[in-house]
Amino acid sequence: MTNDLFTQADLDQMKQLGITEEEARRQMAILEKGPRLVALQRPCTPGDGIVVLDTQDQSRLLALWEETAAKGRFSVFLPASGAATRMFAFLQRIRSRADEITSSKKAEELDQADSDYHDYQDFIKSLGEFAFYEPLAEVMARAGISLQERLDSEDCTEILDFLMEAQGLNYSSLPKGLIPFHRYSDHYRTALEEHLGEAIPTVRDGKQRCRLHFTGAAENEKEVKDHGRGAAANYGASSGVEYELSFSLQSPATNTLALDLENRPFRRPDGSLLFRPGGHGALLQNLNRCQGDIVFIKNIDNVVTDGHRDQVVHLQRIQAGMLLELQEAIFSYLSVLQSRSVESRVLQEVLDFAVHRLSVSPPEGFSQCSEKEKGSRLSELLNRPLRVCGMIKNRGEPGGGPFWVQEPSGGLSLQIVEYAQIDQNSPEQMAILGASTHFSPVQIVCGLRDFQDRPFNLTKFYDPQAVFISRKTEDGRELKALELPGLWNGGMAYWNTVFVEIPEETFNPVKTINDLLRPGHRAGQAGS
């Protein structure tokens, strides 16, 4: 790369975003060389990297959750910047060829082979069951159009337009958290509202406070804040809970430089550089700034109705109890290790805990170290952020899986690994991937403070090489895009990690609009 790679206008553009030239060049080097792929050693399975709890364990852990909840140590962190575009993708594709679906001849042909058309038929057939049916009918009526008449005529072009586009509800451009998910007897709730309801039995403290943090996108900042605060006021008044909501945006400084296919900076028609959002890994900065204590992390679309919530909450409480039990032991050991002289028996006890409870590999050359050095290296191993991650049995959902990973240093660690991080040309690695039995639904409880109650600097515990590179198109040209290490992948690579098996019924994501027809979003909806 030459010194004249960037113009003064480029440097000014970077400065405005908060990106240094050094960082831009570092990103270019990664895009040219490619990411460092993960070396899978074996999949985590129950009893080998995944903890399976019995009833006795659960009772003990629930008691720990209850005691700590009252102290106000819990909060929720919800990535809520994602647009609902993907939820409506198959409807967008159908809409783009509306003439085909209104032709009985074409419909007959499509019915044999087109999955979009099958999904479309299911959607139209069940339209009255969705929570947004009434808002859709109302917005169409204001334009002098009858929703029912359009359904009866089987010409649904305007229905799709009023559902997805700015002339109506504009749902395909809204954040997913603002889409009505669930219908109740006299109202509907958005995904964001359901998280407010779920927080009450999960993180409410002894003073009846619930703390939640939402990340958002700049283009929808006002809508998310207004909706969140309005919903919190309503829920607080009806439940006697005081919500403490906070919001943050993904920093432009976490955007990444795109390259063309010849590894040159990709430039827009006006000559400016193209910087793209760095993916959910960019939210590590947001999580870091929150300086929380015990933090629950979930995806915004993974919610259920009131009638299905008990099991979800029960498992979240247990995960929190697991983290608290481990954290108590870690803090106790770290306090002991601060002493000038620690008996070899205690050092061995700490090492056994790290290996068997945290799945941490002994440091290289540990057995040859002096007792003082052993204490120092054990302190370094234990004094890290801690996470307990729920894992469910594979059922074909997209997402990362739990694996034992071979580290460059020679040790093993527990990691959530995405498909894109694996060498797909290696039969051995693909065989390990194929043997995986579980995947991550992103139900994580984190301990973000050290044994002296100081917030960890989370940026010290991520793997900057665990990036994702993908091909995208911009202005009709192909480009190479860089995503930062995923929040719960490389973003938490050097945390202490525990995986626990949880029932698959606790995972109810909404990736497409028809997922709202699944049981967790429909049955048991009798509520206030």
Protein backbone atom coordinates (compact mmCIF):
# COMPACT_ATOMS: atom_id res chain seq x y z
CA MET A 1 0.00 0.00 0.00
CA THR A 2 1.48 3.34 -1.04
CA ASN A 3 1.59 6.57 0.92
CA ASP A 4 -0.78 8.19 -1.58
CA LEU A 5 -3.41 5.50 -1.13
CA PHE A 6 -5.75 7.99 0.56
CA THR A 7 -6.40 11.56 -0.51
CA GLN A 8 -6.84 14.44 1.90
CA ALA A 9 -10.59 14.22 1.24
CA ASP A 10 -10.43 10.53 2.28
CA LEU A 11 -8.63 11.43 5.51
CA ASP A 12 -11.19 14.15 6.23
CA GLN A 13 -14.00 11.65 5.64
CA MET A 14 -12.37 9.18 8.06
CA LYS A 15 -11.88 11.89 10.68
CA GLN A 16 -15.55 12.78 10.49
CA LEU A 17 -16.45 9.14 11.17
CA GLY A 18 -13.86 8.77 13.93
CA ILE A 19 -11.73 6.26 11.99
CA THR A 20 -7.95 6.64 11.86
CA GLU A 21 -5.86 6.03 8.76
CA GLU A 22 -4.02 3.33 10.69
CA GLU A 23 -7.29 1.52 11.37
CA ALA A 24 -8.37 1.81 7.72
CA ARG A 25 -5.06 0.30 6.60
CA ARG A 26 -5.40 -2.47 9.17
CA GLN A 27 -8.82 -3.34 7.77
CA MET A 28 -7.44 -3.34 4.25
CA ALA A 29 -4.72 -5.78 5.25
CA ILE A 30 -7.29 -8.16 6.71
CA LEU A 31 -9.49 -7.92 3.60
CA GLU A 32 -6.50 -8.65 1.38
CA LYS A 33 -5.14 -11.54 3.44
CA GLY A 34 -8.47 -12.98 4.54
CA PRO A 35 -9.68 -13.82 8.07
CA ARG A 36 -7.96 -16.23 10.40
CA LEU A 37 -10.21 -19.26 10.36
CA VAL A 38 -11.17 -21.07 13.53
CA ALA A 39 -9.61 -24.49 14.18
CA LEU A 40 -12.40 -26.69 15.53
CA GLN A 41 -11.17 -29.45 17.84
CA ARG A 42 -14.55 -31.08 18.54
CA PRO A 43 -18.16 -30.04 19.06
CA CYS A 44 -19.40 -29.35 22.56
CA THR A 45 -21.91 -31.98 23.67
CA PRO A 46 -23.81 -32.63 26.92
CA GLY A 47 -21.22 -33.60 29.51
CA ASP A 48 -18.36 -32.42 27.29
CA GLY A 49 -18.56 -28.64 27.21
CA ILE A 50 -22.33 -28.36 27.72
CA VAL A 51 -23.66 -28.52 31.26
CA VAL A 52 -26.94 -30.36 31.89
CA LEU A 53 -28.67 -29.35 35.12
CA ASP A 54 -30.85 -31.54 37.30
CA THR A 55 -33.76 -30.43 39.49
CA GLN A 56 -31.63 -30.09 42.61
CA ASP A 57 -29.24 -27.77 40.79
CA GLN A 58 -32.12 -25.62 39.59
CA SER A 59 -33.57 -25.06 43.07
CA ARG A 60 -30.19 -23.86 44.38
CA LEU A 61 -29.60 -21.58 41.42
CA LEU A 62 -33.07 -20.04 41.54
CA ALA A 63 -32.42 -19.03 45.16
CA LEU A 64 -29.23 -17.25 44.07
CA TRP A 65 -31.11 -15.42 41.32
CA GLU A 66 -33.82 -14.26 43.74
CA GLU A 67 -31.36 -12.93 46.29
CA THR A 68 -29.36 -11.02 43.68
CA ALA A 69 -32.34 -9.64 41.77
CA ALA A 70 -33.49 -7.81 44.89
CA LYS A 71 -30.13 -6.00 45.04
CA GLY A 72 -30.61 -4.42 41.61
CA ARG A 73 -27.60 -6.03 39.90
CA PHE A 74 -29.49 -7.21 36.81
CA SER A 75 -30.19 -5.45 33.51
CA VAL A 76 -31.06 -6.36 29.91
CA PHE A 77 -29.09 -5.47 26.75
CA LEU A 78 -31.09 -5.75 23.54
CA PRO A 79 -29.62 -5.20 20.07
CA ALA A 80 -32.57 -3.49 18.38
CA SER A 81 -31.06 -1.77 15.38
CA GLY A 82 -31.93 -4.44 12.81
CA ALA A 83 -34.61 -3.48 10.28
CA ALA A 84 -37.52 -5.82 9.65
CA THR A 85 -36.61 -6.05 5.95
CA ARG A 86 -35.74 -9.76 6.11
CA MET A 87 -39.06 -10.55 7.80
CA PHE A 88 -40.87 -9.36 4.69
CA ALA A 89 -38.33 -10.53 2.09
CA PHE A 90 -40.51 -13.21 0.49
CA LEU A 91 -43.42 -10.77 0.28
CA GLN A 92 -41.15 -8.21 -1.36
CA ARG A 93 -40.12 -10.78 -3.95
CA ILE A 94 -43.73 -11.72 -4.60
CA ARG A 95 -44.69 -8.04 -4.86
CA SER A 96 -41.98 -7.43 -7.44
CA ARG A 97 -43.81 -9.86 -9.77
CA ALA A 98 -47.36 -9.04 -8.78
CA ASP A 99 -48.71 -9.69 -12.28
CA GLU A 100 -47.62 -13.33 -11.99
CA ILE A 101 -49.41 -14.08 -8.74
CA THR A 102 -52.68 -12.56 -9.87
CA SER A 103 -52.73 -14.78 -12.96
CA SER A 104 -54.34 -18.14 -12.22
CA LYS A 105 -52.21 -19.79 -14.86
CA LYS A 106 -48.98 -18.49 -13.38
CA ALA A 107 -50.16 -19.22 -9.87
CA GLU A 108 -50.76 -22.83 -10.85
CA GLU A 109 -47.22 -23.09 -12.22
CA LEU A 110 -45.68 -21.38 -9.19
CA ASP A 111 -47.58 -23.62 -6.80
CA GLN A 112 -45.54 -26.58 -7.96
CA ALA A 113 -42.07 -25.19 -7.36
CA ASP A 114 -41.95 -21.76 -5.78
CA SER A 115 -41.40 -21.64 -2.00
CA ASP A 116 -42.11 -17.89 -1.95
CA TYR A 117 -45.55 -18.52 -3.37
CA HIS A 118 -46.27 -21.21 -0.75
CA ASP A 119 -45.20 -18.77 1.98
CA TYR A 120 -47.31 -16.05 0.39
CA GLN A 121 -50.37 -18.30 0.34
CA ASP A 122 -49.87 -19.16 4.02
CA PHE A 123 -49.53 -15.47 4.82
CA ILE A 124 -52.68 -14.38 2.98
CA LYS A 125 -54.69 -17.32 4.30
CA SER A 126 -53.72 -16.41 7.88
CA LEU A 127 -53.72 -12.62 7.53
CA GLY A 128 -56.55 -12.18 10.02
CA GLU A 129 -54.53 -13.95 12.71
CA PHE A 130 -51.63 -11.48 12.68
CA ALA A 131 -51.46 -8.74 15.31
CA PHE A 132 -51.16 -6.06 12.61
CA TYR A 133 -54.42 -7.01 10.82
CA GLU A 134 -56.44 -4.21 12.44
CA PRO A 135 -53.79 -1.48 11.90
CA LEU A 136 -53.51 -2.61 8.28
CA ALA A 137 -57.29 -2.49 7.78
CA GLU A 138 -57.42 0.97 9.36
CA VAL A 139 -54.65 2.50 7.23
CA MET A 140 -56.22 1.08 4.07
CA ALA A 141 -59.68 2.33 5.08
CA ARG A 142 -58.30 5.86 5.49
CA ALA A 143 -57.24 5.62 1.84
CA GLY A 144 -60.75 4.48 0.85
CA ILE A 145 -59.75 0.82 0.31
CA SER A 146 -61.40 -2.18 1.96
CA LEU A 147 -58.92 -4.81 3.11
CA GLN A 148 -61.62 -7.50 3.09
CA GLU A 149 -62.70 -6.63 -0.45
CA ARG A 150 -59.12 -6.97 -1.64
CA LEU A 151 -58.85 -10.36 0.06
CA ASP A 152 -62.12 -11.49 -1.53
CA SER A 153 -60.95 -10.38 -4.97
CA GLU A 154 -57.67 -12.30 -4.54
CA ASP A 155 -55.75 -9.24 -5.79
CA CYS A 156 -53.48 -8.52 -2.86
CA THR A 157 -51.11 -6.04 -4.50
CA GLU A 158 -52.40 -3.07 -2.49
CA ILE A 159 -52.44 -5.13 0.70
CA LEU A 160 -48.71 -5.76 0.35
CA ASP A 161 -48.07 -2.11 -0.53
CA PHE A 162 -49.95 -0.78 2.49
CA LEU A 163 -48.27 -3.32 4.77
CA MET A 164 -44.67 -2.74 3.69
CA GLU A 165 -44.37 0.67 2.04
CA ALA A 166 -44.40 4.28 3.22
CA GLN A 167 -47.93 4.88 1.90
CA GLY A 168 -49.17 2.60 4.67
CA LEU A 169 -47.58 0.98 7.72
CA ASN A 170 -44.07 0.97 6.21
CA TYR A 171 -43.18 -2.17 8.16
CA SER A 172 -40.35 -3.32 5.89
CA SER A 173 -38.38 -0.21 6.85
CA LEU A 174 -39.10 -0.19 10.58
CA PRO A 175 -36.85 -1.75 13.22
CA LYS A 176 -37.99 -5.27 14.01
CA GLY A 177 -38.67 -4.22 17.61
CA LEU A 178 -41.49 -1.91 16.48
CA ILE A 179 -43.44 -4.53 14.53
CA PRO A 180 -46.64 -5.76 16.24
CA PHE A 181 -45.89 -9.38 17.11
CA HIS A 182 -48.71 -10.59 19.35
CA ARG A 183 -52.44 -10.05 19.58
CA TYR A 184 -54.20 -10.04 22.95
CA SER A 185 -57.89 -9.72 23.75
CA ASP A 186 -57.99 -5.93 23.57
CA HIS A 187 -54.60 -4.83 22.23
CA TYR A 188 -51.45 -5.92 20.42
CA ARG A 189 -47.82 -5.79 21.48
CA THR A 190 -44.64 -5.13 19.58
CA ALA A 191 -41.47 -7.15 20.11
CA LEU A 192 -40.04 -4.30 22.18
CA GLU A 193 -43.11 -4.26 24.41
CA GLU A 194 -42.84 -8.00 25.02
CA HIS A 195 -39.28 -7.52 26.25
CA LEU A 196 -40.56 -4.95 28.74
CA GLY A 197 -43.02 -7.54 29.99
CA GLU A 198 -40.37 -10.26 30.16
CA ALA A 199 -38.05 -8.00 32.16
CA ILE A 200 -40.48 -7.77 35.08
CA PRO A 201 -40.08 -11.38 36.31
CA THR A 202 -36.43 -11.49 35.20
CA VAL A 203 -34.58 -8.35 36.31
CA ARG A 204 -36.98 -6.43 38.61
CA ASP A 205 -35.20 -5.38 41.80
CA GLY A 206 -36.36 -4.85 45.38
CA LYS A 207 -37.36 -1.27 44.59
CA GLN A 208 -39.54 -2.44 41.67
CA ARG A 209 -37.13 -1.14 39.02
CA CYS A 210 -36.30 -2.77 35.67
CA ARG A 211 -33.28 -1.65 33.67
CA LEU A 212 -33.11 -2.20 29.90
CA HIS A 213 -30.75 -0.88 27.26
CA PHE A 214 -31.68 -0.83 23.57
CA THR A 215 -29.27 -0.25 20.71
CA GLY A 216 -30.71 1.36 17.61
CA ALA A 217 -29.96 2.79 14.20
CA ALA A 218 -29.71 6.54 13.64
CA GLU A 219 -32.50 6.57 11.04
CA ASN A 220 -34.99 5.14 13.55
CA GLU A 221 -33.64 6.61 16.78
CA LYS A 222 -36.63 8.82 17.55
CA GLU A 223 -39.22 6.11 16.78
CA VAL A 224 -37.48 3.55 19.02
CA LYS A 225 -37.06 6.00 21.91
CA ASP A 226 -40.62 7.32 21.67
CA HIS A 227 -42.12 3.84 21.43
CA GLY A 228 -39.97 2.47 24.24
CA ARG A 229 -40.67 5.31 26.63
CA GLY A 230 -44.39 5.32 25.86
CA ALA A 231 -44.67 1.57 26.36
CA ALA A 232 -42.60 1.76 29.58
CA ALA A 233 -44.95 4.42 30.95
CA ASN A 234 -47.98 2.24 30.20
CA TYR A 235 -46.46 -0.94 31.62
CA GLY A 236 -45.10 0.89 34.64
CA ALA A 237 -48.50 2.36 35.47
CA SER A 238 -50.28 -1.01 35.18
CA SER A 239 -47.66 -3.18 36.90
CA GLY A 240 -46.20 -0.88 39.54
CA VAL A 241 -42.76 -1.17 37.96
CA GLU A 242 -40.39 1.72 37.29
CA TYR A 243 -38.51 1.23 34.02
CA GLU A 244 -35.06 2.71 33.57
CA LEU A 245 -34.54 2.67 29.82
CA SER A 246 -31.38 3.73 28.04
CA PHE A 247 -30.57 3.86 24.34
CA SER A 248 -27.44 4.00 22.21
CA LEU A 249 -26.50 4.09 18.54
CA GLN A 250 -23.87 2.05 16.75
CA SER A 251 -20.88 4.37 16.49
CA PRO A 252 -19.83 5.43 12.95
CA ALA A 253 -16.27 4.75 14.14
CA THR A 254 -17.10 1.03 14.02
CA ASN A 255 -17.93 1.18 10.29
CA THR A 256 -15.49 -0.70 8.08
CA LEU A 257 -13.81 0.16 4.80
CA ALA A 258 -14.95 -1.75 1.70
CA LEU A 259 -12.55 -2.87 -1.02
CA ASP A 260 -13.13 -3.63 -4.67
CA LEU A 261 -12.17 -7.05 -6.03
CA GLU A 262 -8.67 -5.78 -6.81
CA ASN A 263 -8.15 -4.88 -3.12
CA ARG A 264 -8.37 -1.15 -3.69
CA PRO A 265 -10.59 1.12 -1.58
CA PHE A 266 -14.11 0.95 -3.03
CA ARG A 267 -15.19 4.38 -4.14
CA ARG A 268 -18.66 5.74 -4.74
CA PRO A 269 -19.48 7.56 -8.01
CA ASP A 270 -18.57 10.86 -6.31
CA GLY A 271 -15.11 9.51 -5.42
CA SER A 272 -15.75 9.13 -1.69
CA LEU A 273 -14.81 5.98 0.21
CA LEU A 274 -17.47 3.43 1.08
CA PHE A 275 -17.67 2.56 4.77
CA ARG A 276 -20.24 -0.04 5.80
CA PRO A 277 -21.74 -0.91 9.23
CA GLY A 278 -19.46 -3.37 11.02
CA GLY A 279 -22.16 -5.88 12.02
CA HIS A 280 -23.39 -6.75 15.52
CA GLY A 281 -19.78 -7.03 16.71
CA ALA A 282 -19.74 -3.23 16.69
CA LEU A 283 -22.13 -3.36 19.65
CA LEU A 284 -19.30 -4.49 21.92
CA GLN A 285 -18.55 -0.78 22.31
CA ASN A 286 -22.16 -0.10 23.31
CA LEU A 287 -22.13 -2.94 25.84
CA ASN A 288 -18.82 -1.67 27.21
CA ARG A 289 -20.17 1.84 27.71
CA CYS A 290 -23.18 0.56 29.64
CA GLN A 291 -20.88 -0.61 32.46
CA GLY A 292 -23.52 -3.04 33.67
CA ASP A 293 -23.11 -5.71 36.31
CA ILE A 294 -25.09 -8.88 35.48
CA VAL A 295 -26.52 -8.39 31.99
CA PHE A 296 -28.97 -10.53 30.01
CA ILE A 297 -28.48 -10.47 26.23
CA LYS A 298 -31.13 -11.67 23.77
CA ASN A 299 -32.16 -10.95 20.20
CA ILE A 300 -35.06 -8.53 19.88
CA ASP A 301 -37.19 -11.02 17.90
CA ASN A 302 -36.89 -13.89 20.42
CA VAL A 303 -40.00 -13.28 22.52
CA VAL A 304 -43.22 -15.14 23.35
CA THR A 305 -46.72 -14.30 24.51
CA ASP A 306 -47.67 -14.13 28.19
CA GLY A 307 -49.02 -17.66 28.08
CA HIS A 308 -45.60 -19.09 27.09
CA ARG A 309 -43.38 -16.89 29.21
CA ASP A 310 -43.03 -18.93 32.40
CA GLN A 311 -40.57 -21.46 31.00
CA VAL A 312 -38.48 -18.78 29.29
CA VAL A 313 -38.20 -16.76 32.49
CA HIS A 314 -37.47 -19.88 34.55
CA LEU A 315 -34.49 -20.74 32.34
CA GLN A 316 -33.17 -17.18 32.37
CA ARG A 317 -33.25 -17.16 36.15
CA ILE A 318 -31.35 -20.45 36.24
CA GLN A 319 -28.68 -19.14 33.85
CA ALA A 320 -28.27 -16.10 36.08
CA GLY A 321 -27.98 -18.37 39.11
CA MET A 322 -25.26 -20.39 37.37
CA LEU A 323 -23.30 -17.26 36.60
CA LEU A 324 -23.65 -15.97 40.15
CA GLU A 325 -22.48 -19.27 41.66
CA LEU A 326 -19.44 -19.34 39.39
CA GLN A 327 -18.74 -15.67 39.94
CA GLU A 328 -18.83 -16.10 43.72
CA ALA A 329 -16.23 -18.86 43.50
CA ILE A 330 -14.06 -16.85 41.07
CA PHE A 331 -14.15 -13.74 43.26
CA SER A 332 -13.28 -15.80 46.32
CA TYR A 333 -10.29 -17.40 44.59
CA LEU A 334 -9.09 -14.05 43.22
CA SER A 335 -9.18 -12.57 46.72
CA VAL A 336 -7.04 -15.45 47.99
CA LEU A 337 -4.62 -15.13 45.08
CA GLN A 338 -3.92 -11.51 46.07
CA SER A 339 -2.04 -12.83 49.10
CA ARG A 340 1.73 -12.81 48.90
CA SER A 341 1.95 -16.50 49.71
CA VAL A 342 -0.58 -19.08 48.59
CA GLU A 343 -0.22 -22.76 49.45
CA SER A 344 0.39 -25.15 46.56
CA ARG A 345 -2.70 -27.07 47.64
CA VAL A 346 -4.85 -23.95 47.12
CA LEU A 347 -3.19 -23.23 43.78
CA GLN A 348 -4.08 -26.73 42.62
CA GLU A 349 -7.65 -26.27 43.81
CA VAL A 350 -7.94 -23.03 41.80
CA LEU A 351 -6.46 -24.71 38.72
CA ASP A 352 -8.89 -27.63 39.03
CA PHE A 353 -11.79 -25.16 39.25
CA ALA A 354 -10.60 -23.28 36.16
CA VAL A 355 -10.15 -26.47 34.14
CA HIS A 356 -13.28 -28.35 35.21
CA ARG A 357 -15.79 -25.55 35.81
CA LEU A 358 -14.65 -22.95 33.27
CA SER A 359 -13.10 -25.30 30.66
CA VAL A 360 -9.90 -23.25 30.73
CA SER A 361 -6.66 -24.85 29.53
CA PRO A 362 -3.71 -24.65 31.95
CA PRO A 363 -1.24 -21.97 30.84
CA GLU A 364 1.70 -23.26 28.82
CA GLY A 365 4.59 -24.22 31.12
CA PHE A 366 2.40 -23.75 34.19
CA SER A 367 3.79 -26.76 36.05
CA GLN A 368 7.34 -25.35 35.83
CA CYS A 369 6.37 -21.95 37.25
CA SER A 370 7.13 -20.80 40.78
CA GLU A 371 4.19 -20.64 43.18
CA LYS A 372 4.18 -16.85 42.91
CA GLU A 373 4.07 -17.05 39.11
CA LYS A 374 1.34 -19.71 39.26
CA GLY A 375 -0.78 -17.41 41.38
CA SER A 376 -0.26 -14.54 38.95
CA ARG A 377 -1.15 -16.62 35.90
CA LEU A 378 -4.23 -18.09 37.59
CA SER A 379 -5.35 -14.57 38.50
CA GLU A 380 -5.03 -13.59 34.86
CA LEU A 381 -7.13 -16.59 33.80
CA LEU A 382 -9.92 -15.94 36.30
CA ASN A 383 -10.10 -12.15 36.22
CA ARG A 384 -12.09 -11.90 33.00
CA PRO A 385 -15.67 -11.21 31.96
CA LEU A 386 -17.87 -14.27 32.46
CA ARG A 387 -20.78 -15.53 30.37
CA VAL A 388 -23.26 -18.39 30.66
CA CYS A 389 -24.76 -19.20 27.26
CA GLY A 390 -27.89 -21.26 26.70
CA MET A 391 -27.61 -23.96 24.03
CA ILE A 392 -30.46 -25.85 22.38
CA LYS A 393 -30.50 -28.97 20.24
CA ASN A 394 -30.03 -28.41 16.52
CA ARG A 395 -33.27 -27.97 14.63
CA GLY A 396 -32.03 -26.44 11.41
CA GLU A 397 -32.07 -22.81 12.54
CA PRO A 398 -29.26 -20.53 11.33
CA GLY A 399 -26.76 -19.50 13.96
CA GLY A 400 -23.48 -20.27 15.65
CA GLY A 401 -22.72 -23.48 17.49
CA PRO A 402 -20.72 -24.43 20.61
CA PHE A 403 -17.28 -25.90 19.93
CA TRP A 404 -13.98 -26.71 21.56
CA VAL A 405 -11.54 -24.54 19.60
CA GLN A 406 -7.79 -25.02 19.25
CA GLU A 407 -6.14 -21.72 20.09
CA PRO A 408 -2.94 -20.52 18.36
CA SER A 409 -1.24 -20.77 21.77
CA GLY A 410 -1.96 -24.50 21.85
CA GLY A 411 -4.74 -24.55 24.44
CA LEU A 412 -8.47 -25.20 24.02
CA SER A 413 -11.33 -22.81 24.65
CA LEU A 414 -15.11 -22.84 24.40
CA GLN A 415 -16.39 -20.65 21.57
CA ILE A 416 -19.61 -19.92 19.69
CA VAL A 417 -18.54 -20.42 16.09
CA GLU A 418 -20.35 -19.36 12.92
CA TYR A 419 -20.24 -21.33 9.66
CA ALA A 420 -18.29 -18.52 7.97
CA GLN A 421 -15.45 -18.85 10.50
CA ILE A 422 -14.69 -22.46 9.46
CA ASP A 423 -12.44 -23.73 6.68
CA GLN A 424 -15.12 -25.08 4.37
CA ASN A 425 -12.47 -26.75 2.16
CA SER A 426 -11.31 -28.96 5.02
CA PRO A 427 -13.13 -32.34 5.21
CA GLU A 428 -11.93 -32.71 8.81
CA GLN A 429 -13.33 -29.35 9.91
CA MET A 430 -16.60 -29.92 8.07
CA ALA A 431 -16.93 -33.35 9.71
CA ILE A 432 -16.58 -31.72 13.14
CA LEU A 433 -19.19 -29.17 12.15
CA GLY A 434 -21.50 -31.95 10.96
CA ALA A 435 -21.16 -33.75 14.30
CA SER A 436 -22.43 -30.71 16.22
CA THR A 437 -25.58 -31.40 18.23
CA HIS A 438 -26.43 -27.92 19.57
CA PHE A 439 -26.51 -24.28 18.50
CA SER A 440 -26.69 -20.90 20.17
CA PRO A 441 -30.08 -19.14 20.34
CA VAL A 442 -28.34 -16.06 21.82
CA GLN A 443 -29.64 -16.37 25.35
CA ILE A 444 -26.65 -15.17 27.32
CA VAL A 445 -26.09 -13.90 30.85
CA CYS A 446 -22.90 -11.90 31.36
CA GLY A 447 -20.86 -10.86 34.38
CA LEU A 448 -19.21 -7.57 33.40
CA ARG A 449 -17.51 -6.51 36.65
CA ASP A 450 -14.39 -7.79 38.37
CA PHE A 451 -13.94 -9.04 41.93
CA GLN A 452 -13.40 -5.45 43.11
CA ASP A 453 -16.66 -4.33 41.45
CA ARG A 454 -14.89 -2.46 38.67
CA PRO A 455 -16.31 -2.66 35.12
CA PHE A 456 -14.12 -4.69 32.78
CA ASN A 457 -12.83 -2.96 29.67
CA LEU A 458 -14.43 -5.44 27.28
CA THR A 459 -12.29 -4.31 24.35
CA LYS A 460 -9.33 -6.09 25.99
CA PHE A 461 -11.02 -9.48 25.74
CA TYR A 462 -11.97 -9.75 22.06
CA ASP A 463 -10.15 -11.35 19.14
CA PRO A 464 -9.57 -8.68 16.46
CA GLN A 465 -8.73 -11.37 13.89
CA ALA A 466 -12.07 -13.21 14.20
CA VAL A 467 -13.69 -11.13 11.48
CA PHE A 468 -16.14 -12.01 8.72
CA ILE A 469 -15.58 -11.18 5.05
CA SER A 470 -18.40 -11.28 2.54
CA ARG A 471 -19.11 -10.27 -1.06
CA LYS A 472 -21.66 -7.50 -1.52
CA THR A 473 -22.88 -5.28 -4.35
CA GLU A 474 -22.95 -1.48 -4.35
CA ASP A 475 -23.79 0.77 -7.32
CA GLY A 476 -23.91 -2.36 -9.48
CA ARG A 477 -20.32 -3.34 -8.61
CA GLU A 478 -19.05 -6.17 -6.44
CA LEU A 479 -17.07 -5.43 -3.29
CA LYS A 480 -15.47 -7.12 -0.32
CA ALA A 481 -17.07 -6.19 3.00
CA LEU A 482 -15.57 -6.63 6.46
CA GLU A 483 -17.64 -7.35 9.55
CA LEU A 484 -16.13 -6.97 13.00
CA PRO A 485 -15.80 -10.02 15.26
CA GLY A 486 -19.38 -10.99 16.21
CA LEU A 487 -20.54 -9.77 19.61
CA TRP A 488 -20.89 -13.29 21.02
CA ASN A 489 -18.25 -14.83 18.69
CA GLY A 490 -14.86 -13.13 18.47
CA GLY A 491 -16.20 -10.22 20.52
CA MET A 492 -16.23 -12.48 23.59
CA ALA A 493 -13.37 -14.77 22.54
CA TYR A 494 -11.31 -14.31 25.69
CA TRP A 495 -14.14 -14.34 28.22
CA ASN A 496 -14.61 -17.22 30.60
CA THR A 497 -17.46 -19.23 29.07
CA VAL A 498 -19.93 -21.85 30.24
CA PHE A 499 -22.51 -23.51 27.99
CA VAL A 500 -25.73 -24.94 29.46
CA GLU A 501 -28.44 -26.93 27.71
CA ILE A 502 -31.86 -25.30 27.68
CA PRO A 503 -35.15 -26.55 26.18
CA GLU A 504 -35.77 -25.65 22.54
CA GLU A 505 -39.24 -24.37 23.49
CA THR A 506 -37.52 -21.31 24.98
CA PHE A 507 -36.33 -20.23 21.51
CA ASN A 508 -38.97 -18.52 19.39
CA PRO A 509 -37.27 -16.28 16.82
CA VAL A 510 -39.11 -14.37 14.10
CA LYS A 511 -36.95 -14.47 10.99
CA THR A 512 -39.87 -14.25 8.55
CA ILE A 513 -43.31 -12.84 9.12
CA ASN A 514 -44.85 -16.33 8.99
CA ASP A 515 -42.85 -17.33 12.07
CA LEU A 516 -45.47 -15.36 14.01
CA LEU A 517 -47.85 -18.22 13.22
CA ARG A 518 -45.78 -20.60 15.37
CA PRO A 519 -47.27 -21.76 18.70
CA GLY A 520 -45.13 -19.54 20.93
CA HIS A 521 -46.55 -16.47 19.23
CA ARG A 522 -50.16 -17.57 19.00
CA ALA A 523 -51.41 -19.97 21.68
CA GLY A 524 -51.97 -18.95 25.25
CA GLN A 525 -52.50 -15.32 24.36
CA ALA A 526 -55.12 -14.66 26.96
CA GLY A 527 -53.70 -11.68 28.76
CA SER A 528 -54.38 -8.16 29.78
